[in-house]
Amino acid sequence: MNHDSDSLPPPAGETTGAHGRRLGGALLGWLHSHIELLGIELQEQKARTLSLLLFAGLALVFALLALVALSGLILILLWENYRIPGMVGLCVFYVLAGIFCAVKLKAAIFDESSPFHATLEELANDRERLLP
């Protein structure tokens, strides 16, 4: 009696199971790499945001100190003859500067690019590869 079980094709259930396991493994590997990329981008975005907040806060403090000193100097120089026009001029300047900064801030908030650009790009590439 000849036992040639190695040359026979595997039963249909075993072939489907092996393909299913390979497909599941590939899917898990794909999902793992995308989640890892998302995590890296989250960490980079967090570090960037903290750095921006720190320097924005420091710039604001020093700019305010300089503005107070400059305003005091202007009022001291104009105190004798142009006290009221000097104060009004400074107030108008501050209001215009505040409006300008608010407009720039609004533009920067709505013009921000996606923080997860690489992840979205990778998902789009995968979709192109999977779909005809």
N, C-alpha and C. Protein backbone atom coordinates (compact mmCIF):
# COMPACT_ATOMS: atom_id res chain seq x y z
N MET A 1 0.83 -1.17 0.00
CA MET A 1 0.00 0.00 0.00
C MET A 1 0.88 1.25 0.00
N ASN A 2 0.60 2.17 -0.86
CA ASN A 2 1.40 3.36 -1.05
C ASN A 2 0.70 4.54 -0.40
N HIS A 3 1.36 5.20 0.55
CA HIS A 3 0.77 6.37 1.23
C HIS A 3 1.42 7.63 0.66
N ASP A 4 0.80 8.22 -0.31
CA ASP A 4 1.30 9.44 -0.93
C ASP A 4 0.47 10.64 -0.48
N SER A 5 0.33 10.85 0.82
CA SER A 5 -0.51 11.95 1.31
C SER A 5 0.15 13.31 1.08
N ASP A 6 1.50 13.33 0.89
CA ASP A 6 2.18 14.60 0.64
C ASP A 6 1.88 15.14 -0.75
N SER A 7 1.61 14.28 -1.71
CA SER A 7 1.37 14.74 -3.06
C SER A 7 -0.09 15.11 -3.30
N LEU A 8 -0.97 14.75 -2.41
CA LEU A 8 -2.38 15.09 -2.56
C LEU A 8 -2.63 16.53 -2.14
N PRO A 9 -3.55 17.23 -2.81
CA PRO A 9 -3.86 18.59 -2.38
C PRO A 9 -4.57 18.57 -1.03
N PRO A 10 -4.35 19.58 -0.20
CA PRO A 10 -5.00 19.60 1.11
C PRO A 10 -6.50 19.79 0.94
N PRO A 11 -7.25 19.33 1.91
CA PRO A 11 -8.69 19.52 1.84
C PRO A 11 -9.03 21.01 1.73
N ALA A 12 -10.22 21.30 1.21
CA ALA A 12 -10.63 22.69 0.95
C ALA A 12 -10.65 23.52 2.22
N GLY A 13 -11.01 22.98 3.34
CA GLY A 13 -11.07 23.72 4.60
C GLY A 13 -9.70 24.18 5.06
N GLU A 14 -8.68 23.33 4.85
CA GLU A 14 -7.33 23.70 5.27
C GLU A 14 -6.77 24.82 4.39
N THR A 15 -7.05 24.81 3.10
CA THR A 15 -6.56 25.84 2.21
C THR A 15 -7.20 27.18 2.56
N THR A 16 -8.49 27.18 2.79
CA THR A 16 -9.19 28.41 3.16
C THR A 16 -8.70 28.92 4.50
N GLY A 17 -8.44 28.02 5.43
CA GLY A 17 -7.94 28.43 6.74
C GLY A 17 -6.56 29.05 6.66
N ALA A 18 -5.69 28.46 5.83
CA ALA A 18 -4.34 29.00 5.67
C ALA A 18 -4.39 30.38 5.02
N HIS A 19 -5.23 30.52 3.99
CA HIS A 19 -5.37 31.83 3.34
C HIS A 19 -5.97 32.84 4.31
N GLY A 20 -6.92 32.40 5.10
CA GLY A 20 -7.54 33.28 6.09
C GLY A 20 -6.55 33.76 7.12
N ARG A 21 -5.69 32.83 7.57
CA ARG A 21 -4.67 33.21 8.55
C ARG A 21 -3.67 34.19 7.95
N ARG A 22 -3.25 33.93 6.70
CA ARG A 22 -2.32 34.85 6.04
C ARG A 22 -2.96 36.21 5.82
N LEU A 23 -4.21 36.21 5.40
CA LEU A 23 -4.91 37.48 5.20
C LEU A 23 -5.08 38.22 6.53
N GLY A 24 -5.44 37.48 7.58
CA GLY A 24 -5.58 38.09 8.90
C GLY A 24 -4.25 38.64 9.40
N GLY A 25 -3.18 37.89 9.18
CA GLY A 25 -1.85 38.36 9.58
C GLY A 25 -1.44 39.61 8.82
N ALA A 26 -1.72 39.62 7.53
CA ALA A 26 -1.39 40.80 6.72
C ALA A 26 -2.21 42.00 7.17
N LEU A 27 -3.48 41.78 7.47
CA LEU A 27 -4.35 42.86 7.93
C LEU A 27 -3.88 43.40 9.27
N LEU A 28 -3.50 42.50 10.18
CA LEU A 28 -2.99 42.95 11.48
C LEU A 28 -1.67 43.70 11.34
N GLY A 29 -0.80 43.24 10.44
CA GLY A 29 0.46 43.94 10.21
C GLY A 29 0.22 45.33 9.64
N TRP A 30 -0.71 45.43 8.70
CA TRP A 30 -1.07 46.72 8.10
C TRP A 30 -1.63 47.65 9.17
N LEU A 31 -2.54 47.13 9.98
CA LEU A 31 -3.16 47.92 11.03
C LEU A 31 -2.12 48.36 12.07
N HIS A 32 -1.21 47.47 12.42
CA HIS A 32 -0.17 47.80 13.39
C HIS A 32 0.71 48.93 12.89
N SER A 33 1.14 48.87 11.63
CA SER A 33 2.01 49.91 11.10
C SER A 33 1.30 51.26 11.04
N HIS A 34 0.02 51.26 10.72
CA HIS A 34 -0.71 52.52 10.66
C HIS A 34 -0.96 53.11 12.05
N ILE A 35 -1.23 52.26 13.00
CA ILE A 35 -1.43 52.75 14.37
C ILE A 35 -0.12 53.26 14.94
N GLU A 36 0.97 52.59 14.62
CA GLU A 36 2.29 53.05 15.07
C GLU A 36 2.62 54.41 14.46
N LEU A 37 2.33 54.59 13.18
CA LEU A 37 2.56 55.88 12.52
C LEU A 37 1.70 56.97 13.15
N LEU A 38 0.46 56.65 13.46
CA LEU A 38 -0.43 57.62 14.11
C LEU A 38 0.11 58.02 15.48
N GLY A 39 0.62 57.04 16.23
CA GLY A 39 1.19 57.33 17.55
C GLY A 39 2.41 58.23 17.46
N ILE A 40 3.27 57.98 16.48
CA ILE A 40 4.45 58.81 16.30
C ILE A 40 4.04 60.23 15.94
N GLU A 41 3.05 60.36 15.06
CA GLU A 41 2.60 61.70 14.67
C GLU A 41 1.94 62.42 15.84
N LEU A 42 1.24 61.70 16.69
CA LEU A 42 0.64 62.32 17.88
C LEU A 42 1.72 62.86 18.81
N GLN A 43 2.78 62.09 19.01
CA GLN A 43 3.88 62.55 19.87
C GLN A 43 4.57 63.77 19.28
N GLU A 44 4.80 63.76 17.96
CA GLU A 44 5.43 64.91 17.32
C GLU A 44 4.55 66.14 17.42
N GLN A 45 3.25 65.96 17.23
CA GLN A 45 2.33 67.09 17.30
C GLN A 45 2.26 67.65 18.73
N LYS A 46 2.30 66.77 19.71
CA LYS A 46 2.28 67.21 21.11
C LYS A 46 3.52 68.03 21.45
N ALA A 47 4.69 67.54 21.04
CA ALA A 47 5.94 68.26 21.31
C ALA A 47 5.95 69.60 20.59
N ARG A 48 5.47 69.63 19.37
CA ARG A 48 5.43 70.89 18.61
C ARG A 48 4.49 71.88 19.26
N THR A 49 3.34 71.42 19.71
CA THR A 49 2.36 72.29 20.33
C THR A 49 2.89 72.87 21.64
N LEU A 50 3.52 72.04 22.46
CA LEU A 50 4.08 72.53 23.72
C LEU A 50 5.18 73.56 23.47
N SER A 51 6.01 73.31 22.49
CA SER A 51 7.08 74.26 22.16
C SER A 51 6.49 75.58 21.68
N LEU A 52 5.49 75.51 20.82
CA LEU A 52 4.85 76.72 20.33
C LEU A 52 4.20 77.51 21.46
N LEU A 53 3.53 76.82 22.36
CA LEU A 53 2.89 77.50 23.49
C LEU A 53 3.91 78.17 24.40
N LEU A 54 5.01 77.50 24.66
CA LEU A 54 6.05 78.06 25.51
C LEU A 54 6.63 79.34 24.91
N PHE A 55 7.02 79.28 23.64
CA PHE A 55 7.62 80.45 23.01
C PHE A 55 6.61 81.56 22.78
N ALA A 56 5.36 81.20 22.51
CA ALA A 56 4.33 82.23 22.35
C ALA A 56 4.11 82.95 23.68
N GLY A 57 4.09 82.21 24.78
CA GLY A 57 3.92 82.83 26.09
C GLY A 57 5.08 83.75 26.45
N LEU A 58 6.30 83.28 26.21
CA LEU A 58 7.46 84.12 26.49
C LEU A 58 7.49 85.37 25.61
N ALA A 59 7.16 85.21 24.34
CA ALA A 59 7.13 86.37 23.45
C ALA A 59 6.08 87.37 23.91
N LEU A 60 4.94 86.87 24.36
CA LEU A 60 3.88 87.75 24.84
C LEU A 60 4.32 88.52 26.09
N VAL A 61 4.98 87.86 27.01
CA VAL A 61 5.44 88.53 28.23
C VAL A 61 6.44 89.63 27.89
N PHE A 62 7.44 89.32 27.07
CA PHE A 62 8.45 90.33 26.74
C PHE A 62 7.89 91.45 25.89
N ALA A 63 6.99 91.13 24.99
CA ALA A 63 6.37 92.18 24.18
C ALA A 63 5.53 93.11 25.05
N LEU A 64 4.83 92.56 26.02
CA LEU A 64 4.04 93.38 26.93
C LEU A 64 4.93 94.29 27.78
N LEU A 65 6.03 93.77 28.26
CA LEU A 65 6.97 94.60 29.03
C LEU A 65 7.52 95.74 28.18
N ALA A 66 7.88 95.44 26.95
CA ALA A 66 8.39 96.48 26.06
C ALA A 66 7.30 97.51 25.74
N LEU A 67 6.08 97.05 25.56
CA LEU A 67 4.98 97.95 25.25
C LEU A 67 4.66 98.88 26.41
N VAL A 68 4.69 98.36 27.62
CA VAL A 68 4.45 99.20 28.80
C VAL A 68 5.55 100.26 28.94
N ALA A 69 6.79 99.82 28.75
CA ALA A 69 7.90 100.78 28.86
C ALA A 69 7.83 101.84 27.76
N LEU A 70 7.53 101.44 26.55
CA LEU A 70 7.43 102.39 25.45
C LEU A 70 6.26 103.35 25.65
N SER A 71 5.14 102.84 26.13
CA SER A 71 3.99 103.70 26.39
C SER A 71 4.31 104.72 27.48
N GLY A 72 4.96 104.28 28.52
CA GLY A 72 5.37 105.20 29.58
C GLY A 72 6.31 106.27 29.07
N LEU A 73 7.24 105.88 28.23
CA LEU A 73 8.18 106.85 27.66
C LEU A 73 7.45 107.87 26.79
N ILE A 74 6.53 107.42 25.97
CA ILE A 74 5.77 108.34 25.11
C ILE A 74 4.95 109.31 25.96
N LEU A 75 4.28 108.80 26.98
CA LEU A 75 3.47 109.68 27.84
C LEU A 75 4.34 110.67 28.60
N ILE A 76 5.51 110.27 29.04
CA ILE A 76 6.41 111.20 29.73
C ILE A 76 6.87 112.31 28.79
N LEU A 77 7.18 111.93 27.54
CA LEU A 77 7.64 112.93 26.57
C LEU A 77 6.53 113.90 26.17
N LEU A 78 5.29 113.42 26.12
CA LEU A 78 4.17 114.25 25.68
C LEU A 78 3.37 114.87 26.83
N TRP A 79 3.80 114.69 28.06
CA TRP A 79 2.98 115.07 29.22
C TRP A 79 2.68 116.57 29.29
N GLU A 80 3.61 117.38 28.98
CA GLU A 80 3.43 118.82 29.14
C GLU A 80 2.43 119.42 28.14
N ASN A 81 2.55 119.09 26.86
CA ASN A 81 1.75 119.77 25.85
C ASN A 81 0.65 118.91 25.23
N TYR A 82 0.89 117.60 25.10
CA TYR A 82 -0.05 116.74 24.36
C TYR A 82 -0.47 115.52 25.17
N ARG A 83 -0.81 115.73 26.40
CA ARG A 83 -1.15 114.64 27.31
C ARG A 83 -2.35 113.84 26.80
N ILE A 84 -3.48 114.48 26.53
CA ILE A 84 -4.69 113.79 26.11
C ILE A 84 -4.54 113.20 24.70
N PRO A 85 -4.07 113.97 23.71
CA PRO A 85 -3.88 113.36 22.39
C PRO A 85 -2.91 112.17 22.41
N GLY A 86 -1.90 112.23 23.26
CA GLY A 86 -0.96 111.11 23.38
C GLY A 86 -1.64 109.86 23.91
N MET A 87 -2.48 110.01 24.92
CA MET A 87 -3.21 108.86 25.48
C MET A 87 -4.20 108.28 24.47
N VAL A 88 -4.90 109.18 23.78
CA VAL A 88 -5.86 108.72 22.76
C VAL A 88 -5.12 108.00 21.63
N GLY A 89 -4.00 108.55 21.21
CA GLY A 89 -3.20 107.91 20.14
C GLY A 89 -2.73 106.52 20.54
N LEU A 90 -2.27 106.38 21.77
CA LEU A 90 -1.84 105.05 22.24
C LEU A 90 -3.02 104.07 22.28
N CYS A 91 -4.18 104.54 22.74
CA CYS A 91 -5.35 103.66 22.80
C CYS A 91 -5.78 103.22 21.40
N VAL A 92 -5.78 104.15 20.45
CA VAL A 92 -6.14 103.79 19.07
C VAL A 92 -5.14 102.78 18.51
N PHE A 93 -3.87 103.01 18.77
CA PHE A 93 -2.85 102.08 18.30
C PHE A 93 -3.06 100.69 18.89
N TYR A 94 -3.34 100.60 20.19
CA TYR A 94 -3.55 99.30 20.84
C TYR A 94 -4.77 98.59 20.28
N VAL A 95 -5.84 99.33 20.03
CA VAL A 95 -7.05 98.71 19.48
C VAL A 95 -6.78 98.17 18.07
N LEU A 96 -6.12 98.96 17.24
CA LEU A 96 -5.81 98.51 15.88
C LEU A 96 -4.86 97.30 15.89
N ALA A 97 -3.88 97.33 16.76
CA ALA A 97 -2.95 96.20 16.87
C ALA A 97 -3.68 94.95 17.35
N GLY A 98 -4.62 95.10 18.29
CA GLY A 98 -5.40 93.96 18.77
C GLY A 98 -6.28 93.37 17.68
N ILE A 99 -6.90 94.23 16.87
CA ILE A 99 -7.74 93.75 15.76
C ILE A 99 -6.88 93.01 14.73
N PHE A 100 -5.73 93.58 14.40
CA PHE A 100 -4.82 92.94 13.45
C PHE A 100 -4.40 91.55 13.94
N CYS A 101 -4.03 91.45 15.21
CA CYS A 101 -3.61 90.16 15.77
C CYS A 101 -4.75 89.15 15.79
N ALA A 102 -5.96 89.61 16.10
CA ALA A 102 -7.12 88.71 16.11
C ALA A 102 -7.41 88.17 14.72
N VAL A 103 -7.29 89.02 13.70
CA VAL A 103 -7.52 88.57 12.32
C VAL A 103 -6.45 87.56 11.91
N LYS A 104 -5.19 87.82 12.25
CA LYS A 104 -4.11 86.90 11.92
C LYS A 104 -4.28 85.56 12.65
N LEU A 105 -4.70 85.61 13.90
CA LEU A 105 -4.92 84.39 14.67
C LEU A 105 -6.04 83.56 14.05
N LYS A 106 -7.12 84.19 13.68
CA LYS A 106 -8.24 83.48 13.05
C LYS A 106 -7.79 82.83 11.75
N ALA A 107 -7.00 83.55 10.95
CA ALA A 107 -6.50 82.99 9.69
C ALA A 107 -5.58 81.80 9.95
N ALA A 108 -4.75 81.89 10.97
CA ALA A 108 -3.82 80.79 11.28
C ALA A 108 -4.57 79.56 11.79
N ILE A 109 -5.64 79.76 12.53
CA ILE A 109 -6.41 78.63 13.05
C ILE A 109 -7.09 77.88 11.93
N PHE A 110 -7.70 78.61 11.00
CA PHE A 110 -8.45 77.96 9.93
C PHE A 110 -7.57 77.53 8.76
N ASP A 111 -6.32 77.96 8.72
CA ASP A 111 -5.42 77.62 7.62
C ASP A 111 -4.46 76.50 8.00
N GLU A 112 -4.62 75.93 9.17
CA GLU A 112 -3.71 74.89 9.65
C GLU A 112 -3.87 73.62 8.82
N SER A 113 -2.74 73.04 8.41
CA SER A 113 -2.77 71.79 7.68
C SER A 113 -3.08 70.65 8.65
N SER A 114 -3.44 69.53 8.09
CA SER A 114 -3.81 68.37 8.90
C SER A 114 -2.60 67.88 9.71
N PRO A 115 -2.80 67.66 11.02
CA PRO A 115 -1.66 67.20 11.82
C PRO A 115 -1.29 65.74 11.54
N PHE A 116 -2.15 64.98 10.87
CA PHE A 116 -1.90 63.57 10.59
C PHE A 116 -1.78 63.35 9.10
N HIS A 117 -1.03 64.22 8.45
CA HIS A 117 -0.91 64.18 7.00
C HIS A 117 -0.31 62.86 6.51
N ALA A 118 0.74 62.37 7.16
CA ALA A 118 1.41 61.14 6.72
C ALA A 118 0.49 59.93 6.86
N THR A 119 -0.28 59.88 7.95
CA THR A 119 -1.20 58.76 8.14
C THR A 119 -2.29 58.78 7.08
N LEU A 120 -2.86 59.94 6.83
CA LEU A 120 -3.91 60.04 5.82
C LEU A 120 -3.36 59.71 4.43
N GLU A 121 -2.15 60.14 4.15
CA GLU A 121 -1.53 59.84 2.85
C GLU A 121 -1.29 58.34 2.70
N GLU A 122 -0.84 57.70 3.76
CA GLU A 122 -0.59 56.26 3.72
C GLU A 122 -1.89 55.49 3.54
N LEU A 123 -2.95 55.92 4.20
CA LEU A 123 -4.26 55.26 4.03
C LEU A 123 -4.77 55.44 2.60
N ALA A 124 -4.56 56.61 2.01
CA ALA A 124 -4.97 56.83 0.63
C ALA A 124 -4.18 55.94 -0.32
N ASN A 125 -2.88 55.78 -0.07
CA ASN A 125 -2.06 54.89 -0.90
C ASN A 125 -2.54 53.45 -0.78
N ASP A 126 -2.87 53.02 0.42
CA ASP A 126 -3.38 51.65 0.61
C ASP A 126 -4.70 51.45 -0.11
N ARG A 127 -5.55 52.45 -0.06
CA ARG A 127 -6.84 52.34 -0.73
C ARG A 127 -6.64 52.23 -2.24
N GLU A 128 -5.68 52.99 -2.79
CA GLU A 128 -5.39 52.90 -4.23
C GLU A 128 -4.87 51.53 -4.60
N ARG A 129 -4.03 50.95 -3.75
CA ARG A 129 -3.47 49.63 -4.04
C ARG A 129 -4.52 48.53 -3.94
N LEU A 130 -5.46 48.68 -3.01
CA LEU A 130 -6.46 47.63 -2.80
C LEU A 130 -7.63 47.71 -3.78
N LEU A 131 -8.01 48.91 -4.15
CA LEU A 131 -9.14 49.06 -5.05
C LEU A 131 -8.65 49.25 -6.48
N PRO A 132 -9.32 48.63 -7.44
CA PRO A 132 -8.88 48.77 -8.84
C PRO A 132 -9.15 50.16 -9.39
